[in-house]
PDB file of N, CA and C in Angstrom:
ATOM      1  N   UNK A   1     -30.480   3.056  18.902  1.00  0.00           N
ATOM      2  CA  UNK A   1     -29.304   3.244  19.621  1.00  0.00           C
ATOM      3  C   UNK A   1     -28.085   3.779  18.568  1.00  0.00           C
ATOM      4  N   UNK A   2     -27.458   4.777  19.389  1.00  0.00           N
ATOM      5  CA  UNK A   2     -26.319   5.440  18.736  1.00  0.00           C
ATOM      6  C   UNK A   2     -25.197   4.533  18.592  1.00  0.00           C
ATOM      7  N   UNK A   3     -24.291   4.797  17.394  1.00  0.00           N
ATOM      8  CA  UNK A   3     -23.034   3.897  17.087  1.00  0.00           C
ATOM      9  C   UNK A   3     -21.851   4.640  18.323  1.00  0.00           C
ATOM     10  N   UNK A   4     -21.369   3.707  19.175  1.00  0.00           N
ATOM     11  CA  UNK A   4     -20.116   4.520  19.814  1.00  0.00           C
ATOM     12  C   UNK A   4     -18.863   4.716  19.128  1.00  0.00           C
ATOM     13  N   UNK A   5     -18.766   4.188  17.709  1.00  0.00           N
ATOM     14  CA  UNK A   5     -17.241   4.282  16.865  1.00  0.00           C
ATOM     15  C   UNK A   5     -17.164   5.923  16.727  1.00  0.00           C
ATOM     16  N   UNK A   6     -16.149   6.485  17.240  1.00  0.00           N
ATOM     17  CA  UNK A   6     -15.779   7.654  17.207  1.00  0.00           C
ATOM     18  C   UNK A   6     -14.989   7.771  15.700  1.00  0.00           C
ATOM     19  N   UNK A   7     -15.222   9.010  14.605  1.00  0.00           N
ATOM     20  CA  UNK A   7     -14.537   8.975  13.765  1.00  0.00           C
ATOM     21  C   UNK A   7     -13.475  10.441  13.595  1.00  0.00           C
ATOM     22  N   UNK A   8     -12.446  10.335  13.254  1.00  0.00           N
ATOM     23  CA  UNK A   8     -11.689  11.701  13.342  1.00  0.00           C
ATOM     24  C   UNK A   8     -12.026  12.234  12.081  1.00  0.00           C
ATOM     25  N   UNK A   9     -11.931  13.496  12.205  1.00  0.00           N
ATOM     26  CA  UNK A   9     -11.991  14.651  10.843  1.00  0.00           C
ATOM     27  C   UNK A   9     -10.718  14.782  10.056  1.00  0.00           C
ATOM     28  N   UNK A  10     -11.121  14.342   8.909  1.00  0.00           N
ATOM     29  CA  UNK A  10      -9.981  14.243   7.524  1.00  0.00           C
ATOM     30  C   UNK A  10      -9.999  15.792   7.160  1.00  0.00           C
ATOM     31  N   UNK A  11      -8.782  16.342   7.248  1.00  0.00           N
ATOM     32  CA  UNK A  11      -8.657  17.757   6.787  1.00  0.00           C
ATOM     33  C   UNK A  11      -8.501  17.634   5.104  1.00  0.00           C
ATOM     34  N   UNK A  12      -8.948  18.442   4.095  1.00  0.00           N
ATOM     35  CA  UNK A  12      -8.374  18.565   2.737  1.00  0.00           C
ATOM     36  C   UNK A  12      -7.126  18.436   2.485  1.00  0.00           C
ATOM     37  N   UNK A  13      -6.134  19.251   3.522  1.00  0.00           N
ATOM     38  CA  UNK A  13      -4.483  19.026   3.175  1.00  0.00           C
ATOM     39  C   UNK A  13      -4.245  17.796   3.193  1.00  0.00           C
ATOM     40  N   UNK A  14      -4.708  17.084   4.245  1.00  0.00           N
ATOM     41  CA  UNK A  14      -4.108  15.481   4.314  1.00  0.00           C
ATOM     42  C   UNK A  14      -4.735  14.839   3.138  1.00  0.00           C
ATOM     43  N   UNK A  15      -5.977  14.984   2.618  1.00  0.00           N
ATOM     44  CA  UNK A  15      -6.445  14.250   1.310  1.00  0.00           C
ATOM     45  C   UNK A  15      -5.492  14.781   0.446  1.00  0.00           C
ATOM     46  N   UNK A  16      -5.406  16.146   0.092  1.00  0.00           N
ATOM     47  CA  UNK A  16      -4.471  16.584  -0.809  1.00  0.00           C
ATOM     48  C   UNK A  16      -3.047  15.791  -0.838  1.00  0.00           C
ATOM     49  N   UNK A  17      -2.600  15.296   0.361  1.00  0.00           N
ATOM     50  CA  UNK A  17      -1.177  14.762   0.333  1.00  0.00           C
ATOM     51  C   UNK A  17      -1.460  13.307   0.199  1.00  0.00           C
ATOM     52  N   UNK A  18      -2.605  12.799   0.185  1.00  0.00           N
ATOM     53  CA  UNK A  18      -2.683  11.359  -0.374  1.00  0.00           C
ATOM     54  C   UNK A  18      -2.808  11.101  -2.105  1.00  0.00           C
ATOM     55  N   UNK A  19      -3.332  12.382  -2.729  1.00  0.00           N
ATOM     56  CA  UNK A  19      -3.560  12.254  -3.783  1.00  0.00           C
ATOM     57  C   UNK A  19      -2.188  12.479  -4.696  1.00  0.00           C
ATOM     58  N   UNK A  20      -1.702  11.108  -5.524  1.00  0.00           N
ATOM     59  CA  UNK A  20      -0.918  11.210  -6.312  1.00  0.00           C
ATOM     60  C   UNK A  20      -1.197  11.558  -7.703  1.00  0.00           C
ATOM     61  N   UNK A  21       0.132  11.587  -8.638  1.00  0.00           N
ATOM     62  CA  UNK A  21      -0.226  11.958 -10.163  1.00  0.00           C
ATOM     63  C   UNK A  21       0.587  10.908 -10.730  1.00  0.00           C
ATOM     64  N   UNK A  22       0.016   9.937 -11.241  1.00  0.00           N
ATOM     65  CA  UNK A  22       0.738   8.672 -11.994  1.00  0.00           C
ATOM     66  C   UNK A  22       0.218   8.838 -13.420  1.00  0.00           C
ATOM     67  N   UNK A  23       1.656   8.887 -13.982  1.00  0.00           N
ATOM     68  CA  UNK A  23       1.257   8.988 -15.968  1.00  0.00           C
ATOM     69  C   UNK A  23       0.371  10.281 -16.206  1.00  0.00           C
ATOM     70  N   UNK A  24       0.117  11.335 -15.299  1.00  0.00           N
ATOM     71  CA  UNK A  24      -0.512  12.396 -15.678  1.00  0.00           C
ATOM     72  C   UNK A  24      -2.059  12.140 -15.257  1.00  0.00           C
ATOM     73  N   UNK A  25      -2.178  11.117 -14.420  1.00  0.00           N
ATOM     74  CA  UNK A  25      -3.619  11.011 -13.775  1.00  0.00           C
ATOM     75  C   UNK A  25      -3.730  10.988 -12.620  1.00  0.00           C
ATOM     76  N   UNK A  26      -4.408  12.056 -11.772  1.00  0.00           N
ATOM     77  CA  UNK A  26      -4.689  12.250 -10.435  1.00  0.00           C
ATOM     78  C   UNK A  26      -5.366  10.862  -9.748  1.00  0.00           C
ATOM     79  N   UNK A  27      -4.564  10.211  -8.842  1.00  0.00           N
ATOM     80  CA  UNK A  27      -5.260   8.769  -8.166  1.00  0.00           C
ATOM     81  C   UNK A  27      -5.097   8.999  -6.787  1.00  0.00           C
ATOM     82  N   UNK A  28      -5.873   8.094  -6.046  1.00  0.00           N
ATOM     83  CA  UNK A  28      -5.610   7.781  -4.790  1.00  0.00           C
ATOM     84  C   UNK A  28      -5.385   6.120  -4.975  1.00  0.00           C
ATOM     85  N   UNK A  29      -4.435   5.750  -3.429  1.00  0.00           N
ATOM     86  CA  UNK A  29      -4.042   4.424  -3.444  1.00  0.00           C
ATOM     87  C   UNK A  29      -5.291   4.100  -2.744  1.00  0.00           C
ATOM     88  N   UNK A  30      -5.898   2.493  -2.920  1.00  0.00           N
ATOM     89  CA  UNK A  30      -6.907   1.979  -2.112  1.00  0.00           C
ATOM     90  C   UNK A  30      -6.213   2.203  -0.537  1.00  0.00           C
ATOM     91  N   UNK A  31      -5.237   1.914  -0.071  1.00  0.00           N
ATOM     92  CA  UNK A  31      -4.763   2.068   1.310  1.00  0.00           C
ATOM     93  C   UNK A  31      -4.968   3.164   1.855  1.00  0.00           C
ATOM     94  N   UNK A  32      -4.634   4.439   1.123  1.00  0.00           N
ATOM     95  CA  UNK A  32      -5.112   5.808   1.529  1.00  0.00           C
ATOM     96  C   UNK A  32      -6.640   5.789   1.776  1.00  0.00           C
ATOM     97  N   UNK A  33      -7.091   5.605   1.161  1.00  0.00           N
ATOM     98  CA  UNK A  33      -8.513   5.953   0.719  1.00  0.00           C
ATOM     99  C   UNK A  33      -9.227   4.718   2.295  1.00  0.00           C
ATOM    100  N   UNK A  34      -8.710   3.694   2.309  1.00  0.00           N
ATOM    101  CA  UNK A  34      -9.301   2.906   3.499  1.00  0.00           C
ATOM    102  C   UNK A  34      -9.138   3.875   4.920  1.00  0.00           C
ATOM    103  N   UNK A  35      -7.810   3.920   4.954  1.00  0.00           N
ATOM    104  CA  UNK A  35      -7.361   4.762   5.924  1.00  0.00           C
ATOM    105  C   UNK A  35      -8.102   6.054   6.319  1.00  0.00           C
ATOM    106  N   UNK A  36      -9.026   6.789   5.539  1.00  0.00           N
ATOM    107  CA  UNK A  36      -9.886   7.882   5.716  1.00  0.00           C
ATOM    108  C   UNK A  36     -11.078   6.956   6.237  1.00  0.00           C
ATOM    109  N   UNK A  37     -11.213   5.976   5.574  1.00  0.00           N
ATOM    110  CA  UNK A  37     -12.635   5.643   5.922  1.00  0.00           C
ATOM    111  C   UNK A  37     -12.571   4.616   7.211  1.00  0.00           C
ATOM    112  N   UNK A  38     -11.636   4.397   7.592  1.00  0.00           N
ATOM    113  CA  UNK A  38     -11.048   3.343   8.951  1.00  0.00           C
ATOM    114  C   UNK A  38     -11.475   1.877   8.558  1.00  0.00           C
ATOM    115  N   UNK A  39     -11.174   1.641   7.363  1.00  0.00           N
ATOM    116  CA  UNK A  39     -11.493  -0.166   7.417  1.00  0.00           C
ATOM    117  C   UNK A  39     -10.273  -0.365   6.655  1.00  0.00           C
ATOM    118  N   UNK A  40      -9.978  -1.365   6.821  1.00  0.00           N
ATOM    119  CA  UNK A  40      -8.985  -2.368   6.156  1.00  0.00           C
ATOM    120  C   UNK A  40      -9.008  -2.397   4.488  1.00  0.00           C
ATOM    121  N   UNK A  41      -7.751  -2.393   3.819  1.00  0.00           N
ATOM    122  CA  UNK A  41      -7.772  -1.934   2.737  1.00  0.00           C
ATOM    123  C   UNK A  41      -8.826  -3.039   1.774  1.00  0.00           C
ATOM    124  N   UNK A  42      -8.578  -4.649   2.325  1.00  0.00           N
ATOM    125  CA  UNK A  42      -9.111  -5.297   1.777  1.00  0.00           C
ATOM    126  C   UNK A  42     -10.998  -5.403   1.685  1.00  0.00           C
ATOM    127  N   UNK A  43     -11.188  -4.659   3.120  1.00  0.00           N
ATOM    128  CA  UNK A  43     -12.781  -4.711   2.967  1.00  0.00           C
ATOM    129  C   UNK A  43     -12.970  -3.650   2.174  1.00  0.00           C
ATOM    130  N   UNK A  44     -11.883  -2.670   2.110  1.00  0.00           N
ATOM    131  CA  UNK A  44     -12.960  -1.572   1.190  1.00  0.00           C
ATOM    132  C   UNK A  44     -12.781  -2.205  -0.406  1.00  0.00           C
ATOM    133  N   UNK A  45     -11.696  -2.924  -0.724  1.00  0.00           N
ATOM    134  CA  UNK A  45     -11.742  -3.477  -2.134  1.00  0.00           C
ATOM    135  C   UNK A  45     -12.856  -4.729  -2.291  1.00  0.00           C
ATOM    136  N   UNK A  46     -13.357  -5.340  -1.227  1.00  0.00           N
ATOM    137  CA  UNK A  46     -14.578  -6.153  -1.292  1.00  0.00           C
ATOM    138  C   UNK A  46     -15.790  -5.375  -1.649  1.00  0.00           C
ATOM    139  N   UNK A  47     -15.947  -4.523  -0.508  1.00  0.00           N
ATOM    140  CA  UNK A  47     -17.304  -3.617  -0.821  1.00  0.00           C
ATOM    141  C   UNK A  47     -17.181  -2.962  -2.334  1.00  0.00           C
ATOM    142  N   UNK A  48     -16.585  -2.446  -2.743  1.00  0.00           N
ATOM    143  CA  UNK A  48     -16.269  -1.703  -3.882  1.00  0.00           C
ATOM    144  C   UNK A  48     -16.595  -2.699  -4.867  1.00  0.00           C
ATOM    145  N   UNK A  49     -16.474  -4.264  -5.386  1.00  0.00           N
ATOM    146  CA  UNK A  49     -16.282  -5.351  -5.949  1.00  0.00           C
ATOM    147  C   UNK A  49     -17.508  -5.702  -6.105  1.00  0.00           C
ATOM    148  N   UNK A  50     -18.493  -5.851  -4.741  1.00  0.00           N
ATOM    149  CA  UNK A  50     -19.909  -6.407  -4.422  1.00  0.00           C
ATOM    150  C   UNK A  50     -20.968  -4.851  -5.213  1.00  0.00           C
ATOM    151  N   UNK A  51     -20.349  -3.923  -5.091  1.00  0.00           N
ATOM    152  CA  UNK A  51     -21.408  -2.759  -5.302  1.00  0.00           C
ATOM    153  C   UNK A  51     -20.704  -1.869  -6.704  1.00  0.00           C
ATOM    154  N   UNK A  52     -20.332  -2.679  -7.685  1.00  0.00           N
ATOM    155  CA  UNK A  52     -19.973  -1.730  -8.750  1.00  0.00           C
ATOM    156  C   UNK A  52     -20.733  -0.885  -9.353  1.00  0.00           C
ATOM    157  N   UNK A  53     -22.158  -0.978  -9.125  1.00  0.00           N
ATOM    158  CA  UNK A  53     -23.047  -0.224  -9.773  1.00  0.00           C
ATOM    159  C   UNK A  53     -23.241   1.168  -9.145  1.00  0.00           C
ATOM    160  N   UNK A  54     -22.872   1.375  -7.797  1.00  0.00           N
ATOM    161  CA  UNK A  54     -22.570   2.532  -7.511  1.00  0.00           C
ATOM    162  C   UNK A  54     -21.516   3.631  -7.672  1.00  0.00           C
ATOM    163  N   UNK A  55     -20.524   2.985  -8.405  1.00  0.00           N
ATOM    164  CA  UNK A  55     -19.164   3.609  -8.877  1.00  0.00           C
ATOM    165  C   UNK A  55     -19.393   3.900 -10.144  1.00  0.00           C
ATOM    166  N   UNK A  56     -18.708   4.911 -10.453  1.00  0.00           N
ATOM    167  CA  UNK A  56     -18.290   5.434 -11.687  1.00  0.00           C
ATOM    168  C   UNK A  56     -17.210   4.461 -12.405  1.00  0.00           C
ATOM    169  N   UNK A  57     -17.652   4.213 -13.707  1.00  0.00           N
ATOM    170  CA  UNK A  57     -16.480   3.435 -14.392  1.00  0.00           C
ATOM    171  C   UNK A  57     -15.143   3.404 -13.990  1.00  0.00           C
ATOM    172  N   UNK A  58     -14.932   4.761 -14.153  1.00  0.00           N
ATOM    173  CA  UNK A  58     -13.182   4.956 -13.791  1.00  0.00           C
ATOM    174  C   UNK A  58     -12.632   5.142 -12.405  1.00  0.00           C
ATOM    175  N   UNK A  59     -13.682   4.751 -11.532  1.00  0.00           N
ATOM    176  CA  UNK A  59     -13.487   4.686 -10.083  1.00  0.00           C
ATOM    177  C   UNK A  59     -12.362   3.910  -9.608  1.00  0.00           C
ATOM    178  N   UNK A  60     -11.958   2.602 -10.330  1.00  0.00           N
ATOM    179  CA  UNK A  60     -10.701   1.607  -9.720  1.00  0.00           C
ATOM    180  C   UNK A  60     -10.193   1.034 -10.960  1.00  0.00           C
ATOM    181  N   UNK A  61      -8.849   1.111 -10.600  1.00  0.00           N
ATOM    182  CA  UNK A  61      -8.227   0.307 -11.397  1.00  0.00           C
ATOM    183  C   UNK A  61      -6.950  -0.404 -10.709  1.00  0.00           C
ATOM    184  N   UNK A  62      -6.657  -1.525 -11.749  1.00  0.00           N
ATOM    185  CA  UNK A  62      -5.666  -2.171 -10.436  1.00  0.00           C
ATOM    186  C   UNK A  62      -4.511  -2.449 -11.758  1.00  0.00           C
ATOM    187  N   UNK A  63      -3.284  -2.430 -11.338  1.00  0.00           N
ATOM    188  CA  UNK A  63      -1.872  -2.221 -12.134  1.00  0.00           C
ATOM    189  C   UNK A  63      -1.525  -3.749 -12.284  1.00  0.00           C
ATOM    190  N   UNK A  64      -1.100  -4.279 -13.594  1.00  0.00           N
ATOM    191  CA  UNK A  64      -0.278  -5.648 -13.483  1.00  0.00           C
ATOM    192  C   UNK A  64       0.891  -5.877 -12.536  1.00  0.00           C
ATOM    193  N   UNK A  65       1.188  -6.476 -12.014  1.00  0.00           N
ATOM    194  CA  UNK A  65       2.522  -6.867 -11.228  1.00  0.00           C
ATOM    195  C   UNK A  65       3.731  -6.150 -12.323  1.00  0.00           C
ATOM    196  N   UNK A  66       3.439  -6.768 -13.110  1.00  0.00           N
ATOM    197  CA  UNK A  66       4.749  -6.625 -14.099  1.00  0.00           C
ATOM    198  C   UNK A  66       4.743  -4.572 -14.413  1.00  0.00           C
ATOM    199  N   UNK A  67       4.025  -4.234 -14.328  1.00  0.00           N
ATOM    200  CA  UNK A  67       3.800  -2.624 -14.134  1.00  0.00           C
ATOM    201  C   UNK A  67       4.066  -1.774 -13.333  1.00  0.00           C
ATOM    202  N   UNK A  68       3.909  -2.450 -11.910  1.00  0.00           N
ATOM    203  CA  UNK A  68       4.140  -2.130 -10.719  1.00  0.00           C
ATOM    204  C   UNK A  68       5.840  -1.670 -10.015  1.00  0.00           C
ATOM    205  N   UNK A  69       6.552  -1.088 -10.381  1.00  0.00           N
ATOM    206  CA  UNK A  69       7.795  -1.098  -9.925  1.00  0.00           C
ATOM    207  C   UNK A  69       7.968  -1.170  -8.732  1.00  0.00           C
ATOM    208  N   UNK A  70       7.507  -0.287  -7.648  1.00  0.00           N
ATOM    209  CA  UNK A  70       7.748  -0.174  -6.287  1.00  0.00           C
ATOM    210  C   UNK A  70       6.827  -1.067  -5.042  1.00  0.00           C
ATOM    211  N   UNK A  71       5.345  -1.111  -5.413  1.00  0.00           N
ATOM    212  CA  UNK A  71       4.638  -1.575  -4.850  1.00  0.00           C
ATOM    213  C   UNK A  71       4.375  -2.913  -5.146  1.00  0.00           C
ATOM    214  N   UNK A  72       4.025  -3.879  -4.345  1.00  0.00           N
ATOM    215  CA  UNK A  72       3.544  -5.202  -4.297  1.00  0.00           C
ATOM    216  C   UNK A  72       4.501  -5.894  -5.073  1.00  0.00           C
ATOM    217  N   UNK A  73       5.469  -5.897  -5.234  1.00  0.00           N
ATOM    218  CA  UNK A  73       6.474  -6.451  -6.045  1.00  0.00           C
ATOM    219  C   UNK A  73       7.525  -7.065  -4.923  1.00  0.00           C
ATOM    220  N   UNK A  74       7.542  -8.539  -5.152  1.00  0.00           N
ATOM    221  CA  UNK A  74       8.096  -9.562  -4.303  1.00  0.00           C
ATOM    222  C   UNK A  74       9.717  -9.381  -4.955  1.00  0.00           C
ATOM    223  N   UNK A  75      10.789  -9.048  -4.060  1.00  0.00           N
ATOM    224  CA  UNK A  75      11.824  -9.216  -4.416  1.00  0.00           C
ATOM    225  C   UNK A  75      12.858 -10.171  -3.721  1.00  0.00           C
ATOM    226  N   UNK A  76      13.632 -10.791  -4.849  1.00  0.00           N
ATOM    227  CA  UNK A  76      14.267 -12.146  -4.291  1.00  0.00           C
ATOM    228  C   UNK A  76      15.797 -11.368  -3.737  1.00  0.00           C
ATOM    229  N   UNK A  77      16.265 -11.773  -2.759  1.00  0.00           N
ATOM    230  CA  UNK A  77      17.738 -11.344  -1.821  1.00  0.00           C
ATOM    231  C   UNK A  77      18.726 -11.546  -2.546  1.00  0.00           C
ATOM    232  N   UNK A  78      19.458 -10.370  -2.932  1.00  0.00           N
ATOM    233  CA  UNK A  78      20.736 -10.406  -3.790  1.00  0.00           C
ATOM    234  C   UNK A  78      22.104 -11.119  -3.143  1.00  0.00           C
ATOM    235  N   UNK A  79      21.799 -11.690  -2.162  1.00  0.00           N
ATOM    236  CA  UNK A  79      23.125 -12.544  -1.586  1.00  0.00           C
ATOM    237  C   UNK A  79      22.994 -13.959  -2.235  1.00  0.00           C
ATOM    238  N   UNK A  80      24.186 -14.041  -2.800  1.00  0.00           N
ATOM    239  CA  UNK A  80      24.225 -15.798  -3.485  1.00  0.00           C
ATOM    240  C   UNK A  80      23.898 -16.713  -2.228  1.00  0.00           C
ATOM    241  N   UNK A  81      23.628 -17.714  -2.416  1.00  0.00           N
ATOM    242  CA  UNK A  81      23.294 -18.963  -1.050  1.00  0.00           C
ATOM    243  C   UNK A  81      24.277 -20.102  -1.732  1.00  0.00           C
ATOM    244  N   UNK A  82      24.866 -21.130  -0.641  1.00  0.00           N
ATOM    245  CA  UNK A  82      25.849 -21.766  -0.645  1.00  0.00           C
ATOM    246  C   UNK A  82      25.095 -23.350  -0.505  1.00  0.00           C
ATOM    247  N   UNK A  83      25.264 -24.276  -1.573  1.00  0.00           N
ATOM    248  CA  UNK A  83      24.330 -25.554  -1.490  1.00  0.00           C
ATOM    249  C   UNK A  83      24.402 -26.002  -0.033  1.00  0.00           C
ATOM    250  N   UNK A  84      23.684 -27.118   0.742  1.00  0.00           N
ATOM    251  CA  UNK A  84      24.308 -27.633   1.627  1.00  0.00           C
ATOM    252  C   UNK A  84      25.594 -28.612   1.699  1.00  0.00           C
ATOM    253  N   UNK A  85      26.160 -28.429   2.521  1.00  0.00           N
ATOM    254  CA  UNK A  85      27.622 -29.777   2.254  1.00  0.00           C
ATOM    255  C   UNK A  85      28.733 -29.303   1.425  1.00  0.00           C
ATOM    256  N   UNK A  86      28.600 -27.938   0.589  1.00  0.00           N
ATOM    257  CA  UNK A  86      29.236 -27.312   0.073  1.00  0.00           C
ATOM    258  C   UNK A  86      30.086 -26.095   0.474  1.00  0.00           C
ATOM    259  N   UNK A  87      31.755 -26.302   0.534  1.00  0.00           N
ATOM    260  CA  UNK A  87      32.407 -25.348   0.862  1.00  0.00           C
ATOM    261  C   UNK A  87      32.850 -24.866  -0.236  1.00  0.00           C
ATOM    262  N   UNK A  88      32.719 -23.662  -0.514  1.00  0.00           N
ATOM    263  CA  UNK A  88      33.125 -22.975  -1.544  1.00  0.00           C
ATOM    264  C   UNK A  88      34.558 -22.932  -1.607  1.00  0.00           C
ATOM    265  N   UNK A  89      35.149 -22.961  -2.376  1.00  0.00           N
ATOM    266  CA  UNK A  89      36.866 -22.563  -2.422  1.00  0.00           C
ATOM    267  C   UNK A  89      37.054 -21.484  -3.274  1.00  0.00           C
ATOM    268  N   UNK A  90      38.289 -20.514  -2.442  1.00  0.00           N
ATOM    269  CA  UNK A  90      38.420 -19.005  -3.051  1.00  0.00           C
ATOM    270  C   UNK A  90      38.807 -19.185  -4.554  1.00  0.00           C
ATOM    271  N   UNK A  91      38.605 -18.343  -5.277  1.00  0.00           N
ATOM    272  CA  UNK A  91      39.151 -17.683  -6.406  1.00  0.00           C
ATOM    273  C   UNK A  91      40.521 -17.958  -6.493  1.00  0.00           C
ATOM    274  N   UNK A  92      41.159 -18.252  -7.759  1.00  0.00           N
ATOM    275  CA  UNK A  92      42.850 -18.254  -7.609  1.00  0.00           C
ATOM    276  C   UNK A  92      43.211 -16.767  -7.990  1.00  0.00           C
ATOM    277  N   UNK A  93      42.213 -15.896  -8.459  1.00  0.00           N
ATOM    278  CA  UNK A  93      42.651 -14.769  -8.814  1.00  0.00           C
ATOM    279  C   UNK A  93      42.480 -13.725  -7.731  1.00  0.00           C
ATOM    280  N   UNK A  94      41.566 -14.460  -6.338  1.00  0.00           N
ATOM    281  CA  UNK A  94      41.642 -13.174  -5.148  1.00  0.00           C
ATOM    282  C   UNK A  94      43.025 -13.249  -4.360  1.00  0.00           C
ATOM    283  N   UNK A  95      42.782 -12.188  -3.587  1.00  0.00           N
ATOM    284  CA  UNK A  95      44.210 -12.355  -2.698  1.00  0.00           C
ATOM    285  C   UNK A  95      43.653 -12.526  -1.439  1.00  0.00           C
ATOM    286  N   UNK A  96      44.165 -13.442  -0.292  1.00  0.00           N
ATOM    287  CA  UNK A  96      44.298 -13.580   0.693  1.00  0.00           C
ATOM    288  C   UNK A  96      43.688 -12.625   1.797  1.00  0.00           C
TER     289      UNK A  96
END
């Protein structure tokens, strides 16, 4: 029985636009590779880990959180909060 799942062709230009250069090394993000194969990023990573013997040793790496400046970083809001029941008083140096 043939699969009814249709796959869209990915062009060389689309793949080239997904390749990034990080510290002089050409890489593709797992999310971009998962999009090409039409699976979730989580599923792609699961399958790679289950089948490590099928991939070259340098196929995949992960960056520690402290070295990933933009992606995967949880940021805290930069807006100060006020304790419940506390009414801030204006500083004597501020104009009304």
